[in-house]
Every structure is written in C-alpha cells, then in structure tokens.
Amino acid sequence: DVHFNYSALHIVELAEALGESGRWDYARFQLGADTLAPPAFAGFILNVVRSWVHLATMRVVLVIMISVYFFSVLFANTLMPLVMLNYPENGGVLALLYQVVPMLDLMKYSVHGMAWLTIFLCWLWQSGLFLRSRFLTRELEP
C-alpha cells in the first residue's frame, strides 16, 4: 500500500526506492503475512455489523460492501507483487496492472471507510429509535 490515492508514477518511485531485494521482500510480505489481514479485518467488521446493525436491509448492504472491500484487498495484494517482481518492465499486462492496482487500493480504502460510516450511522439511527420509544412510552404511562 503506497497511499490512499496514488498513480502509476508512485508505483515506479516505490519500486525504485525499494531496490531489487526490497521488491522481493515487499512481494514476500504481500503474499505471506499480509494475506492474513483481509480476512481478519473483514471478519471483525462483520462481527461489528452483526452486533450493532439490526436493520436487515442495512446488514445486506454492509455485507456487500465488506465483500467488495475483501476482494479488492485480495486482488490488490496479489497483483502489486507481480508489478514489483517484474519491475522495470511495464509492457503488456503489466501496463494494465500499473493502472488497476491503484484503483483497487482506492476502492479498498473507500469502501472500508464507507462501511464504518454506514455502521456508525445505523447505530445512531437505532439509538434514536430506541430513545424515542423509551421517552414516548414514559409519556404515555399514567
């Protein structure tokens, strides 16, 4: 992961800065230990959704968002090592990957943020409904 929103030029700068052995280390990390992060984050967010979001339609929306997040992370973490290990070559499919990987990372971060915002807004909505029902019930009691 380079930045929230980056370009092919940033990938080239990172590859240059890492050097050949650094690119190999980067690829090993992305394809090794970093493969544990997406399922862990997705599982954590799904547990939060299960605990905090009670509206069925919003749960479905959030599961879709988390799935998009999960697959964009997996694709980005799989494709970036291909770019790094083949650097400085940038023709053919690699030219496409220089464009696709930044889009996947942008999607990953955007959907992740939107999911948390949606969870928070659902929690606020549900809290408001709960408080409203508590106060309306008290006002109606003799």
Protein backbone atom coordinates (compact mmCIF):
# COMPACT_ATOMS: atom_id res chain seq x y z
CA ASP A 1 0.00 0.00 0.00
CA VAL A 2 1.52 3.21 -1.12
CA HIS A 3 -1.07 5.94 -0.50
CA PHE A 4 -4.83 6.37 -0.31
CA ASN A 5 -4.90 7.59 -3.89
CA TYR A 6 -1.79 7.13 -5.99
CA SER A 7 -0.74 6.74 -9.59
CA ALA A 8 1.50 4.51 -11.68
CA LEU A 9 4.28 7.03 -11.11
CA HIS A 10 4.10 6.37 -7.36
CA ILE A 11 4.47 2.65 -8.03
CA VAL A 12 7.60 3.32 -10.08
CA GLU A 13 9.00 5.58 -7.34
CA LEU A 14 8.33 2.90 -4.72
CA ALA A 15 9.93 0.18 -6.86
CA GLU A 16 13.00 2.37 -7.41
CA ALA A 17 13.26 3.23 -3.72
CA LEU A 18 12.98 -0.41 -2.63
CA GLY A 19 15.63 -1.75 -4.97
CA GLU A 20 15.64 -5.33 -6.18
CA SER A 21 15.98 -7.04 -2.78
CA GLY A 22 13.39 -4.68 -1.26
CA ARG A 23 10.92 -5.54 -4.02
CA TRP A 24 11.38 -9.23 -3.24
CA ASP A 25 10.82 -8.56 0.48
CA TYR A 26 7.73 -6.49 -0.37
CA ALA A 27 6.33 -9.31 -2.51
CA ARG A 28 7.04 -11.92 0.17
CA PHE A 29 5.23 -9.80 2.76
CA GLN A 30 2.24 -9.08 0.48
CA LEU A 31 1.85 -12.74 -0.46
CA GLY A 32 2.72 -14.01 3.01
CA ALA A 33 1.80 -12.30 6.27
CA ASP A 34 -0.33 -9.63 4.59
CA THR A 35 -2.75 -12.28 3.33
CA LEU A 36 -3.99 -12.65 6.92
CA ALA A 37 -5.12 -9.03 7.21
CA PRO A 38 -8.06 -9.01 4.76
CA PRO A 39 -9.95 -11.93 6.33
CA ALA A 40 -9.18 -10.60 9.81
CA PHE A 41 -10.46 -7.10 9.03
CA ALA A 42 -13.48 -8.41 7.13
CA GLY A 43 -14.32 -10.82 9.95
CA PHE A 44 -14.00 -8.07 12.54
CA ILE A 45 -16.25 -5.70 10.59
CA LEU A 46 -18.81 -8.47 10.02
CA ASN A 47 -18.90 -9.14 13.76
CA VAL A 48 -19.44 -5.45 14.44
CA VAL A 49 -22.27 -5.44 11.87
CA ARG A 50 -23.81 -8.49 13.48
CA SER A 51 -23.64 -6.87 16.93
CA TRP A 52 -24.61 -3.28 16.14
CA VAL A 53 -26.76 -3.26 13.00
CA HIS A 54 -30.25 -4.64 13.46
CA LEU A 55 -31.84 -3.48 10.20
CA ALA A 56 -31.85 -6.45 7.82
CA THR A 57 -31.53 -4.39 4.64
CA MET A 58 -28.56 -2.49 6.04
CA ARG A 59 -26.92 -5.75 7.02
CA VAL A 60 -27.19 -6.93 3.42
CA VAL A 61 -25.76 -3.63 2.14
CA LEU A 62 -22.89 -3.87 4.60
CA VAL A 63 -22.14 -7.50 3.73
CA ILE A 64 -21.90 -6.45 0.07
CA MET A 65 -19.63 -3.53 0.97
CA ILE A 66 -17.40 -5.75 3.10
CA SER A 67 -17.22 -8.32 0.29
CA VAL A 68 -16.14 -5.60 -2.16
CA TYR A 69 -13.53 -4.48 0.39
CA PHE A 70 -12.30 -8.04 0.92
CA PHE A 71 -11.91 -8.89 -2.77
CA SER A 72 -10.34 -5.54 -3.67
CA VAL A 73 -7.73 -6.10 -0.95
CA LEU A 74 -7.02 -9.64 -2.12
CA PHE A 75 -6.68 -8.58 -5.75
CA ALA A 76 -4.51 -5.55 -4.92
CA ASN A 77 -2.28 -7.60 -2.60
CA THR A 78 -1.90 -10.29 -5.26
CA LEU A 79 -1.30 -8.01 -8.23
CA MET A 80 1.10 -5.49 -6.68
CA PRO A 81 3.80 -8.14 -6.11
CA LEU A 82 3.56 -9.04 -9.81
CA VAL A 83 4.31 -5.43 -10.67
CA MET A 84 7.16 -5.24 -8.15
CA LEU A 85 8.79 -8.50 -9.20
CA ASN A 86 8.67 -7.61 -12.89
CA TYR A 87 9.94 -4.05 -12.46
CA PRO A 88 11.30 -2.26 -14.55
CA GLU A 89 9.26 -3.98 -17.25
CA ASN A 90 5.94 -2.27 -17.79
CA GLY A 91 4.57 -3.55 -21.09
CA GLY A 92 1.65 -5.82 -21.91
CA VAL A 93 -0.44 -6.90 -18.94
CA LEU A 94 1.88 -5.06 -16.57
CA ALA A 95 0.86 -1.74 -18.13
CA LEU A 96 -2.71 -2.56 -17.21
CA LEU A 97 -1.69 -3.54 -13.67
CA TYR A 98 0.01 -0.15 -13.18
CA GLN A 99 -3.48 1.33 -13.64
CA VAL A 100 -5.61 -1.35 -11.94
CA VAL A 101 -3.70 -1.74 -8.66
CA PRO A 102 -4.12 1.92 -7.62
CA MET A 103 -7.84 1.71 -8.44
CA LEU A 104 -8.18 -1.43 -6.32
CA ASP A 105 -6.43 0.27 -3.40
CA LEU A 106 -8.64 3.34 -3.74
CA MET A 107 -11.70 1.07 -3.81
CA LYS A 108 -10.42 -0.83 -0.78
CA TYR A 109 -9.93 2.26 1.36
CA SER A 110 -13.11 3.97 0.15
CA VAL A 111 -15.40 1.01 0.72
CA HIS A 112 -13.77 0.28 4.07
CA GLY A 113 -14.40 3.86 5.20
CA MET A 114 -17.95 3.87 3.84
CA ALA A 115 -18.71 0.62 5.67
CA TRP A 116 -17.60 2.10 9.01
CA LEU A 117 -19.55 5.28 8.33
CA THR A 118 -22.65 3.23 7.48
CA ILE A 119 -22.26 1.18 10.66
CA PHE A 120 -21.97 4.36 12.73
CA LEU A 121 -25.00 5.96 11.04
CA CYS A 122 -27.06 2.78 11.57
CA TRP A 123 -26.06 2.77 15.22
CA LEU A 124 -27.10 6.43 15.56
CA TRP A 125 -30.43 5.75 13.83
CA GLN A 126 -31.13 2.72 16.00
CA SER A 127 -30.13 4.61 19.16
CA GLY A 128 -32.50 7.41 18.18
CA LEU A 129 -35.34 4.95 17.63
CA PHE A 130 -34.62 3.28 20.96
CA LEU A 131 -34.51 6.56 22.88
CA ARG A 132 -37.61 7.82 21.13
CA SER A 133 -39.52 4.67 22.03
CA ARG A 134 -38.37 4.91 25.66
CA PHE A 135 -39.44 8.53 26.04
CA LEU A 136 -42.74 8.06 24.21
CA THR A 137 -43.55 5.04 26.37
CA ARG A 138 -42.86 7.02 29.57
CA GLU A 139 -45.07 9.91 28.45
CA LEU A 140 -47.97 7.53 27.81
CA GLU A 141 -47.74 5.77 31.19
CA PRO A 142 -50.11 7.10 33.93
